């Protein structure tokens, strides 16, 4: 009986000690969805990402890169502003990134097959993993 109680306490201590917190100091970013994988002229495209951050201290921008395998002049990388929102510790939420067709239009007079990559950074300069979309076909005008 005494060993059963001791074993139970030891097991409980191990289980609570190994409990992993899903919120890390380094922000986490995950790709959730894209509104379309074939973008015709004069349409828009929206990417949905989710994030977590233990301190709730994300910077005010997200890094976005477009990589078009068949047209290097269509490529870009830039930072885009994230609207301000109330923050707290163990912050989590969604980020919606929307582009108009004109913002991502092919530059080589042919369809682009592009992948978009995203990353976020917090005020302590911790950078999330880079997440990528599936290939997006952007139809040339």
C-alpha atoms as a PDB file:
ATOM      1  CA  UNK A   1       0.000   0.000   0.000  1.00  0.00           C
ATOM      2  CA  UNK A   2       2.776   2.407   0.920  1.00  0.00           C
ATOM      3  CA  UNK A   3       4.529   1.707  -2.408  1.00  0.00           C
ATOM      4  CA  UNK A   4       1.300   2.303  -4.350  1.00  0.00           C
ATOM      5  CA  UNK A   5       0.888   5.769  -2.823  1.00  0.00           C
ATOM      6  CA  UNK A   6       4.557   6.573  -3.410  1.00  0.00           C
ATOM      7  CA  UNK A   7       4.333   5.319  -7.002  1.00  0.00           C
ATOM      8  CA  UNK A   8       1.178   7.392  -7.582  1.00  0.00           C
ATOM      9  CA  UNK A   9       2.842  10.567  -6.269  1.00  0.00           C
ATOM     10  CA  UNK A  10       5.938   9.893  -8.393  1.00  0.00           C
ATOM     11  CA  UNK A  11       3.809   9.269 -11.494  1.00  0.00           C
ATOM     12  CA  UNK A  12       1.818  12.457 -10.872  1.00  0.00           C
ATOM     13  CA  UNK A  13       5.052  14.470 -10.459  1.00  0.00           C
ATOM     14  CA  UNK A  14       6.430  13.089 -13.726  1.00  0.00           C
ATOM     15  CA  UNK A  15       3.233  13.809 -15.649  1.00  0.00           C
ATOM     16  CA  UNK A  16       2.923  17.389 -14.418  1.00  0.00           C
ATOM     17  CA  UNK A  17       6.644  18.028 -14.913  1.00  0.00           C
ATOM     18  CA  UNK A  18       6.526  16.838 -18.526  1.00  0.00           C
ATOM     19  CA  UNK A  19       3.508  18.925 -19.440  1.00  0.00           C
ATOM     20  CA  UNK A  20       4.542  20.929 -22.500  1.00  0.00           C
ATOM     21  CA  UNK A  21       3.366  24.519 -22.828  1.00  0.00           C
ATOM     22  CA  UNK A  22       2.198  25.254 -26.372  1.00  0.00           C
ATOM     23  CA  UNK A  23       3.259  28.886 -26.017  1.00  0.00           C
ATOM     24  CA  UNK A  24       6.975  29.436 -26.582  1.00  0.00           C
ATOM     25  CA  UNK A  25       9.110  32.591 -26.387  1.00  0.00           C
ATOM     26  CA  UNK A  26       9.754  32.226 -30.100  1.00  0.00           C
ATOM     27  CA  UNK A  27       6.540  33.016 -31.987  1.00  0.00           C
ATOM     28  CA  UNK A  28       4.893  30.116 -33.769  1.00  0.00           C
ATOM     29  CA  UNK A  29       3.285  30.582 -37.186  1.00  0.00           C
ATOM     30  CA  UNK A  30       1.154  28.034 -39.055  1.00  0.00           C
ATOM     31  CA  UNK A  31      -0.380  28.157 -42.526  1.00  0.00           C
ATOM     32  CA  UNK A  32      -4.109  27.382 -42.291  1.00  0.00           C
ATOM     33  CA  UNK A  33      -5.672  28.043 -45.700  1.00  0.00           C
ATOM     34  CA  UNK A  34      -5.701  29.962 -48.965  1.00  0.00           C
ATOM     35  CA  UNK A  35      -8.833  31.222 -50.706  1.00  0.00           C
ATOM     36  CA  UNK A  36      -7.827  29.803 -54.095  1.00  0.00           C
ATOM     37  CA  UNK A  37      -4.956  27.969 -55.758  1.00  0.00           C
ATOM     38  CA  UNK A  38      -5.774  29.411 -59.200  1.00  0.00           C
ATOM     39  CA  UNK A  39      -5.934  33.202 -59.270  1.00  0.00           C
ATOM     40  CA  UNK A  40      -7.567  34.706 -62.401  1.00  0.00           C
ATOM     41  CA  UNK A  41      -7.145  38.366 -63.389  1.00  0.00           C
ATOM     42  CA  UNK A  42      -9.078  40.956 -61.353  1.00  0.00           C
ATOM     43  CA  UNK A  43      -9.603  38.614 -58.386  1.00  0.00           C
ATOM     44  CA  UNK A  44      -8.068  38.693 -54.939  1.00  0.00           C
ATOM     45  CA  UNK A  45      -6.382  36.075 -52.833  1.00  0.00           C
ATOM     46  CA  UNK A  46      -6.448  35.649 -49.054  1.00  0.00           C
ATOM     47  CA  UNK A  47      -4.102  33.621 -46.868  1.00  0.00           C
ATOM     48  CA  UNK A  48      -5.080  32.588 -43.343  1.00  0.00           C
ATOM     49  CA  UNK A  49      -2.294  32.013 -40.818  1.00  0.00           C
ATOM     50  CA  UNK A  50      -2.415  31.295 -37.110  1.00  0.00           C
ATOM     51  CA  UNK A  51       0.127  32.363 -34.514  1.00  0.00           C
ATOM     52  CA  UNK A  52       1.047  31.919 -30.883  1.00  0.00           C
ATOM     53  CA  UNK A  53       3.468  33.930 -28.762  1.00  0.00           C
ATOM     54  CA  UNK A  54       4.148  33.475 -25.045  1.00  0.00           C
ATOM     55  CA  UNK A  55       4.939  37.121 -24.291  1.00  0.00           C
ATOM     56  CA  UNK A  56       2.418  38.693 -26.675  1.00  0.00           C
ATOM     57  CA  UNK A  57       5.092  41.022 -28.053  1.00  0.00           C
ATOM     58  CA  UNK A  58       4.826  40.543 -31.812  1.00  0.00           C
ATOM     59  CA  UNK A  59       6.301  43.215 -34.044  1.00  0.00           C
ATOM     60  CA  UNK A  60       3.887  45.237 -36.120  1.00  0.00           C
ATOM     61  CA  UNK A  61       4.717  43.522 -39.419  1.00  0.00           C
ATOM     62  CA  UNK A  62       4.863  40.150 -41.146  1.00  0.00           C
ATOM     63  CA  UNK A  63       7.523  39.112 -43.655  1.00  0.00           C
ATOM     64  CA  UNK A  64       6.030  37.943 -46.969  1.00  0.00           C
ATOM     65  CA  UNK A  65       7.888  36.506 -49.925  1.00  0.00           C
ATOM     66  CA  UNK A  66       6.565  35.510 -53.342  1.00  0.00           C
ATOM     67  CA  UNK A  67       8.676  32.986 -55.244  1.00  0.00           C
ATOM     68  CA  UNK A  68       7.650  32.322 -58.851  1.00  0.00           C
ATOM     69  CA  UNK A  69       9.656  29.403 -60.218  1.00  0.00           C
ATOM     70  CA  UNK A  70       9.202  30.369 -63.860  1.00  0.00           C
ATOM     71  CA  UNK A  71       9.573  34.172 -63.655  1.00  0.00           C
ATOM     72  CA  UNK A  72      12.165  35.708 -61.339  1.00  0.00           C
ATOM     73  CA  UNK A  73      10.942  39.259 -62.058  1.00  0.00           C
ATOM     74  CA  UNK A  74       7.624  38.358 -60.386  1.00  0.00           C
ATOM     75  CA  UNK A  75       9.373  37.570 -57.106  1.00  0.00           C
ATOM     76  CA  UNK A  76       9.229  39.944 -54.158  1.00  0.00           C
ATOM     77  CA  UNK A  77       9.908  40.019 -50.476  1.00  0.00           C
ATOM     78  CA  UNK A  78       8.750  42.709 -48.119  1.00  0.00           C
ATOM     79  CA  UNK A  79       7.321  43.439 -44.696  1.00  0.00           C
ATOM     80  CA  UNK A  80       3.634  44.233 -44.401  1.00  0.00           C
ATOM     81  CA  UNK A  81       1.983  45.917 -41.453  1.00  0.00           C
ATOM     82  CA  UNK A  82      -0.169  43.915 -39.076  1.00  0.00           C
ATOM     83  CA  UNK A  83      -3.009  46.017 -37.663  1.00  0.00           C
ATOM     84  CA  UNK A  84      -2.547  46.740 -33.971  1.00  0.00           C
ATOM     85  CA  UNK A  85      -4.541  44.652 -31.535  1.00  0.00           C
ATOM     86  CA  UNK A  86      -4.689  44.280 -27.746  1.00  0.00           C
ATOM     87  CA  UNK A  87      -1.996  41.892 -26.554  1.00  0.00           C
ATOM     88  CA  UNK A  88      -1.474  39.710 -23.528  1.00  0.00           C
ATOM     89  CA  UNK A  89       0.762  36.854 -22.513  1.00  0.00           C
ATOM     90  CA  UNK A  90       0.055  33.521 -24.196  1.00  0.00           C
ATOM     91  CA  UNK A  91      -1.275  35.360 -27.237  1.00  0.00           C
ATOM     92  CA  UNK A  92      -2.846  33.405 -30.072  1.00  0.00           C
ATOM     93  CA  UNK A  93      -4.875  34.358 -33.082  1.00  0.00           C
ATOM     94  CA  UNK A  94      -5.243  34.438 -36.830  1.00  0.00           C
ATOM     95  CA  UNK A  95      -3.638  36.702 -39.394  1.00  0.00           C
ATOM     96  CA  UNK A  96      -5.407  37.293 -42.706  1.00  0.00           C
ATOM     97  CA  UNK A  97      -3.188  38.445 -45.563  1.00  0.00           C
ATOM     98  CA  UNK A  98      -5.044  39.724 -48.618  1.00  0.00           C
ATOM     99  CA  UNK A  99      -3.598  40.649 -52.006  1.00  0.00           C
ATOM    100  CA  UNK A 100      -5.329  42.163 -54.973  1.00  0.00           C
ATOM    101  CA  UNK A 101      -4.478  40.606 -58.336  1.00  0.00           C
ATOM    102  CA  UNK A 102      -2.505  43.730 -59.308  1.00  0.00           C
ATOM    103  CA  UNK A 103      -0.217  43.177 -56.275  1.00  0.00           C
ATOM    104  CA  UNK A 104       0.868  39.696 -57.413  1.00  0.00           C
ATOM    105  CA  UNK A 105       0.370  39.871 -61.186  1.00  0.00           C
ATOM    106  CA  UNK A 106       2.777  37.864 -63.385  1.00  0.00           C
ATOM    107  CA  UNK A 107       5.588  39.958 -64.893  1.00  0.00           C
ATOM    108  CA  UNK A 108       6.727  37.618 -67.690  1.00  0.00           C
ATOM    109  CA  UNK A 109       3.660  37.517 -69.970  1.00  0.00           C
ATOM    110  CA  UNK A 110       2.908  33.963 -68.842  1.00  0.00           C
ATOM    111  CA  UNK A 111       1.175  32.325 -65.890  1.00  0.00           C
ATOM    112  CA  UNK A 112       3.105  32.320 -62.636  1.00  0.00           C
ATOM    113  CA  UNK A 113       3.292  29.276 -60.438  1.00  0.00           C
ATOM    114  CA  UNK A 114       4.226  30.869 -57.153  1.00  0.00           C
ATOM    115  CA  UNK A 115       4.719  29.909 -53.535  1.00  0.00           C
ATOM    116  CA  UNK A 116       4.205  32.494 -50.805  1.00  0.00           C
ATOM    117  CA  UNK A 117       6.276  32.327 -47.623  1.00  0.00           C
ATOM    118  CA  UNK A 118       5.527  34.050 -44.305  1.00  0.00           C
ATOM    119  CA  UNK A 119       7.390  34.693 -41.037  1.00  0.00           C
ATOM    120  CA  UNK A 120       6.837  36.882 -37.984  1.00  0.00           C
ATOM    121  CA  UNK A 121       9.226  38.318 -35.409  1.00  0.00           C
ATOM    122  CA  UNK A 122       8.692  39.531 -31.873  1.00  0.00           C
ATOM    123  CA  UNK A 123      10.213  42.538 -30.127  1.00  0.00           C
ATOM    124  CA  UNK A 124      12.927  40.314 -28.610  1.00  0.00           C
ATOM    125  CA  UNK A 125      13.983  39.432 -32.208  1.00  0.00           C
ATOM    126  CA  UNK A 126      12.772  35.830 -31.983  1.00  0.00           C
ATOM    127  CA  UNK A 127      11.733  34.773 -35.500  1.00  0.00           C
ATOM    128  CA  UNK A 128       9.077  32.153 -36.188  1.00  0.00           C
ATOM    129  CA  UNK A 129       9.585  29.281 -38.573  1.00  0.00           C
ATOM    130  CA  UNK A 130       8.858  30.228 -42.173  1.00  0.00           C
ATOM    131  CA  UNK A 131       5.603  28.754 -43.452  1.00  0.00           C
ATOM    132  CA  UNK A 132       4.814  28.205 -47.133  1.00  0.00           C
ATOM    133  CA  UNK A 133       1.668  27.937 -49.198  1.00  0.00           C
ATOM    134  CA  UNK A 134       0.945  25.262 -51.754  1.00  0.00           C
ATOM    135  CA  UNK A 135       1.756  26.353 -55.332  1.00  0.00           C
ATOM    136  CA  UNK A 136      -0.589  29.107 -56.529  1.00  0.00           C
ATOM    137  CA  UNK A 137      -1.192  29.524 -60.267  1.00  0.00           C
ATOM    138  CA  UNK A 138      -1.578  33.192 -61.129  1.00  0.00           C
ATOM    139  CA  UNK A 139      -3.154  33.552 -64.573  1.00  0.00           C
ATOM    140  CA  UNK A 140      -1.545  36.124 -66.865  1.00  0.00           C
ATOM    141  CA  UNK A 141      -3.768  38.769 -68.438  1.00  0.00           C
END
